[in-house]
Amino acid sequence: MSVYFDNYIDEEGEVDEKLTLNSNGFACLTEDIESLVDKYTGVEDSSFMKCADIRLGVMDLIHSIINKGVQS
């Protein structure tokens, strides 16, 4: 299994067949996006806590790629 992905397990113990970003993957993605914005603006921490919409879009893309062919 990847360092960034796991299968989601709900409160009843049901395991989702699709992979999703785990807490480590979510944190790393957030840091990577914020670093990109900081790089291009030249202003350190300019994007801190301001990239939620971008992160959600990237997460959707990542999930669609890693789960290609997995039935919903």
C-alpha atoms as a PDB file:
ATOM      1  CA  MET A   1       0.000   0.000   0.000  1.00  0.00           C
ATOM      2  CA  SER A   2       1.130   3.522  -0.683  1.00  0.00           C
ATOM      3  CA  VAL A   3       2.297   5.897   2.020  1.00  0.00           C
ATOM      4  CA  TYR A   4      -0.378   8.330   0.789  1.00  0.00           C
ATOM      5  CA  PHE A   5      -3.443   6.095   0.246  1.00  0.00           C
ATOM      6  CA  ASP A   6      -5.628   3.725   2.207  1.00  0.00           C
ATOM      7  CA  ASN A   7      -9.035   2.134   1.884  1.00  0.00           C
ATOM      8  CA  TYR A   8     -11.592   4.068   3.922  1.00  0.00           C
ATOM      9  CA  ILE A   9     -13.156   2.105   6.803  1.00  0.00           C
ATOM     10  CA  ASP A  10     -16.410   3.493   8.197  1.00  0.00           C
ATOM     11  CA  GLU A  11     -17.661   3.331  11.796  1.00  0.00           C
ATOM     12  CA  GLU A  12     -19.305  -0.066  11.218  1.00  0.00           C
ATOM     13  CA  GLY A  13     -16.055  -1.529   9.910  1.00  0.00           C
ATOM     14  CA  GLU A  14     -17.141  -1.569   6.248  1.00  0.00           C
ATOM     15  CA  VAL A  15     -14.137  -1.189   3.940  1.00  0.00           C
ATOM     16  CA  ASP A  16     -14.536   0.920   0.794  1.00  0.00           C
ATOM     17  CA  GLU A  17     -12.967  -0.729  -2.253  1.00  0.00           C
ATOM     18  CA  LYS A  18     -11.733   2.617  -3.570  1.00  0.00           C
ATOM     19  CA  LEU A  19      -8.494   4.148  -2.354  1.00  0.00           C
ATOM     20  CA  THR A  20      -8.495   7.590  -0.795  1.00  0.00           C
ATOM     21  CA  LEU A  21      -5.815   9.926   0.505  1.00  0.00           C
ATOM     22  CA  ASN A  22      -4.936   9.138   4.102  1.00  0.00           C
ATOM     23  CA  SER A  23      -4.031  11.822   6.646  1.00  0.00           C
ATOM     24  CA  ASN A  24      -0.381  11.772   5.552  1.00  0.00           C
ATOM     25  CA  GLY A  25      -1.356  12.141   1.891  1.00  0.00           C
ATOM     26  CA  PHE A  26      -3.758  14.971   2.707  1.00  0.00           C
ATOM     27  CA  ALA A  27      -1.086  16.827   4.699  1.00  0.00           C
ATOM     28  CA  CYS A  28       1.574  16.352   2.015  1.00  0.00           C
ATOM     29  CA  LEU A  29      -0.784  17.498  -0.742  1.00  0.00           C
ATOM     30  CA  THR A  30      -1.670  20.597   1.261  1.00  0.00           C
ATOM     31  CA  GLU A  31       1.993  21.438   1.833  1.00  0.00           C
ATOM     32  CA  ASP A  32       2.850  20.861  -1.840  1.00  0.00           C
ATOM     33  CA  ILE A  33       0.069  23.155  -3.085  1.00  0.00           C
ATOM     34  CA  GLU A  34       0.960  25.888  -0.586  1.00  0.00           C
ATOM     35  CA  SER A  35       4.631  25.604  -1.598  1.00  0.00           C
ATOM     36  CA  LEU A  36       3.711  26.055  -5.269  1.00  0.00           C
ATOM     37  CA  VAL A  37       1.768  29.230  -4.548  1.00  0.00           C
ATOM     38  CA  ASP A  38       4.570  30.548  -2.341  1.00  0.00           C
ATOM     39  CA  LYS A  39       7.102  29.754  -5.082  1.00  0.00           C
ATOM     40  CA  TYR A  40       5.237  31.678  -7.767  1.00  0.00           C
ATOM     41  CA  THR A  41       4.231  34.626  -5.599  1.00  0.00           C
ATOM     42  CA  GLY A  42       7.620  34.913  -3.931  1.00  0.00           C
ATOM     43  CA  VAL A  43       5.801  35.507  -0.640  1.00  0.00           C
ATOM     44  CA  GLU A  44       6.393  32.892   2.048  1.00  0.00           C
ATOM     45  CA  ASP A  45       3.192  31.541   3.653  1.00  0.00           C
ATOM     46  CA  SER A  46       1.066  33.652   1.290  1.00  0.00           C
ATOM     47  CA  SER A  47      -1.261  30.722   0.685  1.00  0.00           C
ATOM     48  CA  PHE A  48      -1.470  29.269   4.190  1.00  0.00           C
ATOM     49  CA  MET A  49      -5.020  27.949   4.728  1.00  0.00           C
ATOM     50  CA  LYS A  50      -6.209  29.446   1.408  1.00  0.00           C
ATOM     51  CA  CYS A  51      -5.970  26.483  -0.965  1.00  0.00           C
ATOM     52  CA  ALA A  52      -8.937  24.308   0.057  1.00  0.00           C
ATOM     53  CA  ASP A  53     -10.752  24.576  -3.290  1.00  0.00           C
ATOM     54  CA  ILE A  54      -7.596  23.791  -5.239  1.00  0.00           C
ATOM     55  CA  ARG A  55      -6.821  20.856  -2.942  1.00  0.00           C
ATOM     56  CA  LEU A  56     -10.316  19.385  -3.428  1.00  0.00           C
ATOM     57  CA  GLY A  57      -9.958  19.584  -7.202  1.00  0.00           C
ATOM     58  CA  VAL A  58      -6.558  17.898  -7.111  1.00  0.00           C
ATOM     59  CA  MET A  59      -7.873  15.231  -4.721  1.00  0.00           C
ATOM     60  CA  ASP A  60     -10.736  14.466  -7.115  1.00  0.00           C
ATOM     61  CA  LEU A  61      -8.233  14.090  -9.956  1.00  0.00           C
ATOM     62  CA  ILE A  62      -5.913  11.874  -7.899  1.00  0.00           C
ATOM     63  CA  HIS A  63      -8.792   9.680  -6.720  1.00  0.00           C
ATOM     64  CA  SER A  64     -10.091   9.239 -10.269  1.00  0.00           C
ATOM     65  CA  ILE A  65      -6.628   8.204 -11.480  1.00  0.00           C
ATOM     66  CA  ILE A  66      -5.779   5.761  -8.678  1.00  0.00           C
ATOM     67  CA  ASN A  67      -9.242   4.178  -8.744  1.00  0.00           C
ATOM     68  CA  LYS A  68      -9.542   3.835 -12.501  1.00  0.00           C
ATOM     69  CA  GLY A  69     -11.405   0.631 -13.135  1.00  0.00           C
ATOM     70  CA  VAL A  70     -12.611   0.192  -9.540  1.00  0.00           C
ATOM     71  CA  GLN A  71     -16.401  -0.203  -9.376  1.00  0.00           C
ATOM     72  CA  SER A  72     -18.297   2.285  -7.221  1.00  0.00           C
END
